[in-house]
Amino acid sequence: MNWNQIPNAECYGVAVFLAGKWKIVDQNIPANTTTYTSPKLRPGKTYKMMIGAKVNGKWDLTNVNSRILHRYYQVTCLYTP
């Protein structure tokens, strides 16, 4: 998945909605990165995900509902051993 860079972001975090709750899957994505590929999500499943930014040492949670990616991501297998 990808997103637009947030001004003054120190890093990004990604959460996924699983079993009725939001679960953080990564919160150490560098500020110059605007894409994320999760090794934890299973191929063939669809997920609801959200991006957050850490600004001035705090996680910016304003307008959280607008950050939820309302499109669902279908995870595909990019590598098969």
PDB file of N, CA and C in Angstrom:
ATOM      1  N   MET A   1       0.834  -1.160   0.000  1.00  0.00           N
ATOM      2  CA  MET A   1       0.000   0.000   0.000  1.00  0.00           C
ATOM      3  C   MET A   1       0.886   1.232   0.000  1.00  0.00           C
ATOM      4  N   ASN A   2       0.329   2.362  -0.384  1.00  0.00           N
ATOM      5  CA  ASN A   2       1.123   3.590  -0.409  1.00  0.00           C
ATOM      6  C   ASN A   2       0.264   4.762   0.038  1.00  0.00           C
ATOM      7  N   TRP A   3       0.919   5.882   0.371  1.00  0.00           N
ATOM      8  CA  TRP A   3       0.245   7.072   0.875  1.00  0.00           C
ATOM      9  C   TRP A   3       1.068   8.299   0.535  1.00  0.00           C
ATOM     10  N   ASN A   4       0.477   9.470   0.756  1.00  0.00           N
ATOM     11  CA  ASN A   4       1.186  10.738   0.554  1.00  0.00           C
ATOM     12  C   ASN A   4       1.976  11.072   1.814  1.00  0.00           C
ATOM     13  N   GLN A   5       3.142  11.670   1.621  1.00  0.00           N
ATOM     14  CA  GLN A   5       3.990  12.047   2.744  1.00  0.00           C
ATOM     15  C   GLN A   5       3.292  13.115   3.600  1.00  0.00           C
ATOM     16  N   ILE A   6       3.422  13.005   4.918  1.00  0.00           N
ATOM     17  CA  ILE A   6       2.816  13.955   5.858  1.00  0.00           C
ATOM     18  C   ILE A   6       3.907  14.935   6.294  1.00  0.00           C
ATOM     19  N   PRO A   7       3.649  16.252   6.205  1.00  0.00           N
ATOM     20  CA  PRO A   7       4.663  17.227   6.612  1.00  0.00           C
ATOM     21  C   PRO A   7       5.117  17.014   8.057  1.00  0.00           C
ATOM     22  N   ASN A   8       6.416  17.089   8.285  1.00  0.00           N
ATOM     23  CA  ASN A   8       7.044  16.965   9.601  1.00  0.00           C
ATOM     24  C   ASN A   8       6.927  15.579  10.228  1.00  0.00           C
ATOM     25  N   ALA A   9       6.551  14.580   9.458  1.00  0.00           N
ATOM     26  CA  ALA A   9       6.474  13.215  10.002  1.00  0.00           C
ATOM     27  C   ALA A   9       7.872  12.715  10.339  1.00  0.00           C
ATOM     28  N   GLU A  10       8.005  12.111  11.515  1.00  0.00           N
ATOM     29  CA  GLU A  10       9.276  11.496  11.932  1.00  0.00           C
ATOM     30  C   GLU A  10       9.321  10.038  11.503  1.00  0.00           C
ATOM     31  N   CYS A  11       8.163   9.399  11.508  1.00  0.00           N
ATOM     32  CA  CYS A  11       8.017   8.032  11.038  1.00  0.00           C
ATOM     33  C   CYS A  11       6.531   7.751  10.864  1.00  0.00           C
ATOM     34  N   TYR A  12       6.221   6.596  10.296  1.00  0.00           N
ATOM     35  CA  TYR A  12       4.838   6.202  10.070  1.00  0.00           C
ATOM     36  C   TYR A  12       4.546   4.881  10.763  1.00  0.00           C
ATOM     37  N   GLY A  13       3.263   4.649  10.989  1.00  0.00           N
ATOM     38  CA  GLY A  13       2.807   3.380  11.534  1.00  0.00           C
ATOM     39  C   GLY A  13       1.638   2.879  10.711  1.00  0.00           C
ATOM     40  N   VAL A  14       1.488   1.571  10.662  1.00  0.00           N
ATOM     41  CA  VAL A  14       0.402   0.937   9.924  1.00  0.00           C
ATOM     42  C   VAL A  14      -0.362   0.043  10.883  1.00  0.00           C
ATOM     43  N   ALA A  15      -1.689   0.142  10.834  1.00  0.00           N
ATOM     44  CA  ALA A  15      -2.549  -0.723  11.642  1.00  0.00           C
ATOM     45  C   ALA A  15      -3.502  -1.453  10.711  1.00  0.00           C
ATOM     46  N   VAL A  16      -3.899  -2.640  11.132  1.00  0.00           N
ATOM     47  CA  VAL A  16      -4.849  -3.450  10.364  1.00  0.00           C
ATOM     48  C   VAL A  16      -6.009  -3.827  11.285  1.00  0.00           C
ATOM     49  N   PHE A  17      -7.204  -3.865  10.750  1.00  0.00           N
ATOM     50  CA  PHE A  17      -8.396  -4.202  11.522  1.00  0.00           C
ATOM     51  C   PHE A  17      -8.587  -5.709  11.466  1.00  0.00           C
ATOM     52  N   LEU A  18      -8.375  -6.372  12.617  1.00  0.00           N
ATOM     53  CA  LEU A  18      -8.487  -7.829  12.707  1.00  0.00           C
ATOM     54  C   LEU A  18      -9.345  -8.204  13.907  1.00  0.00           C
ATOM     55  N   ALA A  19     -10.250  -9.140  13.737  1.00  0.00           N
ATOM     56  CA  ALA A  19     -11.070  -9.659  14.836  1.00  0.00           C
ATOM     57  C   ALA A  19     -11.746  -8.536  15.626  1.00  0.00           C
ATOM     58  N   GLY A  20     -12.237  -7.515  14.919  1.00  0.00           N
ATOM     59  CA  GLY A  20     -12.978  -6.444  15.564  1.00  0.00           C
ATOM     60  C   GLY A  20     -12.148  -5.382  16.258  1.00  0.00           C
ATOM     61  N   LYS A  21     -10.803  -5.420  16.091  1.00  0.00           N
ATOM     62  CA  LYS A  21      -9.926  -4.442  16.741  1.00  0.00           C
ATOM     63  C   LYS A  21      -8.834  -3.998  15.784  1.00  0.00           C
ATOM     64  N   TRP A  22      -8.338  -2.776  16.025  1.00  0.00           N
ATOM     65  CA  TRP A  22      -7.169  -2.302  15.275  1.00  0.00           C
ATOM     66  C   TRP A  22      -5.912  -2.861  15.924  1.00  0.00           C
ATOM     67  N   LYS A  23      -5.022  -3.411  15.101  1.00  0.00           N
ATOM     68  CA  LYS A  23      -3.759  -3.960  15.585  1.00  0.00           C
ATOM     69  C   LYS A  23      -2.614  -3.291  14.819  1.00  0.00           C
ATOM     70  N   ILE A  24      -1.648  -2.751  15.562  1.00  0.00           N
ATOM     71  CA  ILE A  24      -0.486  -2.127  14.928  1.00  0.00           C
ATOM     72  C   ILE A  24       0.409  -3.226  14.379  1.00  0.00           C
ATOM     73  N   VAL A  25       0.734  -3.121  13.093  1.00  0.00           N
ATOM     74  CA  VAL A  25       1.609  -4.117  12.476  1.00  0.00           C
ATOM     75  C   VAL A  25       3.025  -3.599  12.287  1.00  0.00           C
ATOM     76  N   ASP A  26       3.180  -2.285  12.243  1.00  0.00           N
ATOM     77  CA  ASP A  26       4.523  -1.690  12.153  1.00  0.00           C
ATOM     78  C   ASP A  26       4.410  -0.220  12.554  1.00  0.00           C
ATOM     79  N   GLN A  27       5.311   0.240  13.410  1.00  0.00           N
ATOM     80  CA  GLN A  27       5.300   1.653  13.797  1.00  0.00           C
ATOM     81  C   GLN A  27       6.674   2.290  13.661  1.00  0.00           C
ATOM     82  N   ASN A  28       7.502   1.694  12.842  1.00  0.00           N
ATOM     83  CA  ASN A  28       8.859   2.207  12.640  1.00  0.00           C
ATOM     84  C   ASN A  28       9.187   2.389  11.166  1.00  0.00           C
ATOM     85  N   ILE A  29       8.225   2.847  10.389  1.00  0.00           N
ATOM     86  CA  ILE A  29       8.446   3.062   8.965  1.00  0.00           C
ATOM     87  C   ILE A  29       9.110   4.429   8.811  1.00  0.00           C
ATOM     88  N   PRO A  30      10.276   4.508   8.164  1.00  0.00           N
ATOM     89  CA  PRO A  30      10.996   5.780   8.042  1.00  0.00           C
ATOM     90  C   PRO A  30      10.157   6.871   7.372  1.00  0.00           C
ATOM     91  N   ALA A  31      10.406   8.121   7.762  1.00  0.00           N
ATOM     92  CA  ALA A  31       9.637   9.268   7.267  1.00  0.00           C
ATOM     93  C   ALA A  31       9.738   9.456   5.758  1.00  0.00           C
ATOM     94  N   ASN A  32      10.821   9.003   5.152  1.00  0.00           N
ATOM     95  CA  ASN A  32      10.978   9.162   3.703  1.00  0.00           C
ATOM     96  C   ASN A  32      10.374   8.005   2.916  1.00  0.00           C
ATOM     97  N   THR A  33       9.674   7.107   3.606  1.00  0.00           N
ATOM     98  CA  THR A  33       9.039   5.958   2.963  1.00  0.00           C
ATOM     99  C   THR A  33       7.533   6.187   2.914  1.00  0.00           C
ATOM    100  N   THR A  34       6.938   5.954   1.763  1.00  0.00           N
ATOM    101  CA  THR A  34       5.489   6.122   1.626  1.00  0.00           C
ATOM    102  C   THR A  34       4.829   4.865   1.050  1.00  0.00           C
ATOM    103  N   THR A  35       5.472   3.730   1.264  1.00  0.00           N
ATOM    104  CA  THR A  35       4.895   2.446   0.863  1.00  0.00           C
ATOM    105  C   THR A  35       5.132   1.442   1.981  1.00  0.00           C
ATOM    106  N   TYR A  36       4.301   0.415   2.004  1.00  0.00           N
ATOM    107  CA  TYR A  36       4.451  -0.616   3.020  1.00  0.00           C
ATOM    108  C   TYR A  36       3.962  -1.947   2.469  1.00  0.00           C
ATOM    109  N   THR A  37       4.748  -2.991   2.694  1.00  0.00           N
ATOM    110  CA  THR A  37       4.371  -4.352   2.361  1.00  0.00           C
ATOM    111  C   THR A  37       4.514  -5.176   3.629  1.00  0.00           C
ATOM    112  N   SER A  38       3.435  -5.777   4.069  1.00  0.00           N
ATOM    113  CA  SER A  38       3.465  -6.539   5.318  1.00  0.00           C
ATOM    114  C   SER A  38       3.781  -8.002   5.064  1.00  0.00           C
ATOM    115  N   PRO A  39       4.781  -8.525   5.787  1.00  0.00           N
ATOM    116  CA  PRO A  39       5.059  -9.961   5.681  1.00  0.00           C
ATOM    117  C   PRO A  39       4.090 -10.783   6.532  1.00  0.00           C
ATOM    118  N   LYS A  40       3.279 -10.111   7.384  1.00  0.00           N
ATOM    119  CA  LYS A  40       2.411 -10.823   8.315  1.00  0.00           C
ATOM    120  C   LYS A  40       1.023 -11.116   7.764  1.00  0.00           C
ATOM    121  N   LEU A  41       0.601 -10.386   6.735  1.00  0.00           N
ATOM    122  CA  LEU A  41      -0.733 -10.590   6.202  1.00  0.00           C
ATOM    123  C   LEU A  41      -0.730 -11.746   5.204  1.00  0.00           C
ATOM    124  N   ARG A  42      -1.832 -12.473   5.189  1.00  0.00           N
ATOM    125  CA  ARG A  42      -1.896 -13.694   4.398  1.00  0.00           C
ATOM    126  C   ARG A  42      -2.409 -13.451   2.984  1.00  0.00           C
ATOM    127  N   PRO A  43      -1.800 -14.107   2.005  1.00  0.00           N
ATOM    128  CA  PRO A  43      -2.267 -13.991   0.621  1.00  0.00           C
ATOM    129  C   PRO A  43      -3.715 -14.465   0.501  1.00  0.00           C
ATOM    130  N   GLY A  44      -4.461 -13.821  -0.395  1.00  0.00           N
ATOM    131  CA  GLY A  44      -5.830 -14.224  -0.657  1.00  0.00           C
ATOM    132  C   GLY A  44      -6.852 -13.641   0.301  1.00  0.00           C
ATOM    133  N   LYS A  45      -6.411 -12.913   1.326  1.00  0.00           N
ATOM    134  CA  LYS A  45      -7.312 -12.295   2.298  1.00  0.00           C
ATOM    135  C   LYS A  45      -7.450 -10.808   1.973  1.00  0.00           C
ATOM    136  N   THR A  46      -8.533 -10.198   2.464  1.00  0.00           N
ATOM    137  CA  THR A  46      -8.765  -8.768   2.284  1.00  0.00           C
ATOM    138  C   THR A  46      -8.686  -8.096   3.648  1.00  0.00           C
ATOM    139  N   TYR A  47      -7.998  -6.954   3.720  1.00  0.00           N
ATOM    140  CA  TYR A  47      -7.752  -6.270   4.987  1.00  0.00           C
ATOM    141  C   TYR A  47      -8.144  -4.803   4.931  1.00  0.00           C
ATOM    142  N   LYS A  48      -8.623  -4.264   6.044  1.00  0.00           N
ATOM    143  CA  LYS A  48      -8.885  -2.838   6.226  1.00  0.00           C
ATOM    144  C   LYS A  48      -7.690  -2.290   6.992  1.00  0.00           C
ATOM    145  N   MET A  49      -7.045  -1.230   6.456  1.00  0.00           N
ATOM    146  CA  MET A  49      -5.803  -0.742   7.042  1.00  0.00           C
ATOM    147  C   MET A  49      -5.837   0.761   7.261  1.00  0.00           C
ATOM    148  N   MET A  50      -4.934   1.259   8.136  1.00  0.00           N
ATOM    149  CA  MET A  50      -4.848   2.671   8.466  1.00  0.00           C
ATOM    150  C   MET A  50      -3.380   3.073   8.603  1.00  0.00           C
ATOM    151  N   ILE A  51      -3.084   4.309   8.196  1.00  0.00           N
ATOM    152  CA  ILE A  51      -1.732   4.879   8.311  1.00  0.00           C
ATOM    153  C   ILE A  51      -1.754   5.953   9.394  1.00  0.00           C
ATOM    154  N   GLY A  52      -0.695   6.025  10.197  1.00  0.00           N
ATOM    155  CA  GLY A  52      -0.540   7.092  11.183  1.00  0.00           C
ATOM    156  C   GLY A  52       0.852   7.682  11.065  1.00  0.00           C
ATOM    157  N   ALA A  53       1.020   8.933  11.495  1.00  0.00           N
ATOM    158  CA  ALA A  53       2.326   9.601  11.437  1.00  0.00           C
ATOM    159  C   ALA A  53       2.713  10.085  12.823  1.00  0.00           C
ATOM    160  N   LYS A  54       3.998   9.952  13.143  1.00  0.00           N
ATOM    161  CA  LYS A  54       4.531  10.503  14.385  1.00  0.00           C
ATOM    162  C   LYS A  54       5.103  11.871  14.053  1.00  0.00           C
ATOM    163  N   VAL A  55       4.551  12.913  14.722  1.00  0.00           N
ATOM    164  CA  VAL A  55       4.956  14.297  14.477  1.00  0.00           C
ATOM    165  C   VAL A  55       5.291  14.938  15.820  1.00  0.00           C
ATOM    166  N   ASN A  56       6.461  15.569  15.899  1.00  0.00           N
ATOM    167  CA  ASN A  56       6.918  16.197  17.140  1.00  0.00           C
ATOM    168  C   ASN A  56       6.922  15.226  18.319  1.00  0.00           C
ATOM    169  N   GLY A  57       7.327  13.998  18.057  1.00  0.00           N
ATOM    170  CA  GLY A  57       7.452  13.000  19.117  1.00  0.00           C
ATOM    171  C   GLY A  57       6.159  12.335  19.544  1.00  0.00           C
ATOM    172  N   LYS A  58       5.036  12.700  18.924  1.00  0.00           N
ATOM    173  CA  LYS A  58       3.746  12.120  19.300  1.00  0.00           C
ATOM    174  C   LYS A  58       3.043  11.587  18.062  1.00  0.00           C
ATOM    175  N   TRP A  59       2.278  10.530  18.264  1.00  0.00           N
ATOM    176  CA  TRP A  59       1.479   9.997  17.170  1.00  0.00           C
ATOM    177  C   TRP A  59       0.314  10.929  16.924  1.00  0.00           C
ATOM    178  N   ASP A  60       0.220  11.419  15.709  1.00  0.00           N
ATOM    179  CA  ASP A  60      -0.856  12.334  15.321  1.00  0.00           C
ATOM    180  C   ASP A  60      -2.101  11.516  15.003  1.00  0.00           C
ATOM    181  N   LEU A  61      -3.086  11.585  15.890  1.00  0.00           N
ATOM    182  CA  LEU A  61      -4.303  10.811  15.719  1.00  0.00           C
ATOM    183  C   LEU A  61      -5.504  11.687  15.374  1.00  0.00           C
ATOM    184  N   THR A  62      -5.242  12.936  14.973  1.00  0.00           N
ATOM    185  CA  THR A  62      -6.347  13.788  14.560  1.00  0.00           C
ATOM    186  C   THR A  62      -6.932  13.260  13.255  1.00  0.00           C
ATOM    187  N   ASN A  63      -8.211  13.395  13.102  1.00  0.00           N
ATOM    188  CA  ASN A  63      -8.910  12.953  11.886  1.00  0.00           C
ATOM    189  C   ASN A  63      -8.636  11.491  11.548  1.00  0.00           C
ATOM    190  N   VAL A  64      -8.628  10.657  12.572  1.00  0.00           N
ATOM    191  CA  VAL A  64      -8.320   9.238  12.361  1.00  0.00           C
ATOM    192  C   VAL A  64      -9.247   8.617  11.327  1.00  0.00           C
ATOM    193  N   ASN A  65     -10.529   8.942  11.381  1.00  0.00           N
ATOM    194  CA  ASN A  65     -11.461   8.331  10.439  1.00  0.00           C
ATOM    195  C   ASN A  65     -11.111   8.643   8.991  1.00  0.00           C
ATOM    196  N   SER A  66     -10.513   9.801   8.732  1.00  0.00           N
ATOM    197  CA  SER A  66     -10.132  10.126   7.356  1.00  0.00           C
ATOM    198  C   SER A  66      -8.880   9.375   6.923  1.00  0.00           C
ATOM    199  N   ARG A  67      -8.158   8.790   7.866  1.00  0.00           N
ATOM    200  CA  ARG A  67      -6.931   8.059   7.532  1.00  0.00           C
ATOM    201  C   ARG A  67      -7.167   6.582   7.288  1.00  0.00           C
ATOM    202  N   ILE A  68      -8.357   6.132   7.645  1.00  0.00           N
ATOM    203  CA  ILE A  68      -8.659   4.728   7.387  1.00  0.00           C
ATOM    204  C   ILE A  68      -8.800   4.571   5.884  1.00  0.00           C
ATOM    205  N   LEU A  69      -8.103   3.623   5.354  1.00  0.00           N
ATOM    206  CA  LEU A  69      -8.169   3.391   3.924  1.00  0.00           C
ATOM    207  C   LEU A  69      -9.461   2.619   3.654  1.00  0.00           C
ATOM    208  N   HIS A  70     -10.421   3.296   3.090  1.00  0.00           N
ATOM    209  CA  HIS A  70     -11.725   2.689   2.883  1.00  0.00           C
ATOM    210  C   HIS A  70     -11.724   1.693   1.736  1.00  0.00           C
ATOM    211  N   ARG A  71     -10.660   1.680   0.999  1.00  0.00           N
ATOM    212  CA  ARG A  71     -10.545   0.597   0.039  1.00  0.00           C
ATOM    213  C   ARG A  71      -9.856  -0.549   0.779  1.00  0.00           C
ATOM    214  N   TYR A  72     -10.255  -1.731   0.504  1.00  0.00           N
ATOM    215  CA  TYR A  72      -9.691  -2.886   1.180  1.00  0.00           C
ATOM    216  C   TYR A  72      -8.578  -3.441   0.316  1.00  0.00           C
ATOM    217  N   TYR A  73      -7.550  -3.930   0.967  1.00  0.00           N
ATOM    218  CA  TYR A  73      -6.402  -4.431   0.242  1.00  0.00           C
ATOM    219  C   TYR A  73      -6.454  -5.943   0.140  1.00  0.00           C
ATOM    220  N   GLN A  74      -6.354  -6.421  -1.071  1.00  0.00           N
ATOM    221  CA  GLN A  74      -6.263  -7.849  -1.319  1.00  0.00           C
ATOM    222  C   GLN A  74      -4.783  -8.187  -1.357  1.00  0.00           C
ATOM    223  N   VAL A  75      -4.351  -9.031  -0.462  1.00  0.00           N
ATOM    224  CA  VAL A  75      -2.942  -9.409  -0.387  1.00  0.00           C
ATOM    225  C   VAL A  75      -2.698 -10.554  -1.359  1.00  0.00           C
ATOM    226  N   THR A  76      -1.695 -10.384  -2.188  1.00  0.00           N
ATOM    227  CA  THR A  76      -1.348 -11.430  -3.138  1.00  0.00           C
ATOM    228  C   THR A  76       0.042 -11.947  -2.817  1.00  0.00           C
ATOM    229  N   CYS A  77       0.286 -13.141  -3.184  1.00  0.00           N
ATOM    230  CA  CYS A  77       1.584 -13.758  -2.930  1.00  0.00           C
ATOM    231  C   CYS A  77       2.549 -13.339  -4.037  1.00  0.00           C
ATOM    232  N   LEU A  78       3.613 -12.634  -3.665  1.00  0.00           N
ATOM    233  CA  LEU A  78       4.584 -12.184  -4.641  1.00  0.00           C
ATOM    234  C   LEU A  78       5.716 -13.186  -4.845  1.00  0.00           C
ATOM    235  N   TYR A  79       5.866 -14.083  -3.904  1.00  0.00           N
ATOM    236  CA  TYR A  79       6.967 -15.045  -3.976  1.00  0.00           C
ATOM    237  C   TYR A  79       6.474 -16.404  -3.495  1.00  0.00           C
ATOM    238  N   THR A  80       6.726 -17.398  -4.277  1.00  0.00           N
ATOM    239  CA  THR A  80       6.384 -18.757  -3.875  1.00  0.00           C
ATOM    240  C   THR A  80       7.641 -19.606  -3.975  1.00  0.00           C
ATOM    241  N   PRO A  81       8.075 -20.171  -2.834  1.00  0.00           N
ATOM    242  CA  PRO A  81       9.310 -20.982  -2.878  1.00  0.00           C
ATOM    243  C   PRO A  81       9.104 -22.274  -3.642  1.00  0.00           C
TER     244      PRO A  81
END
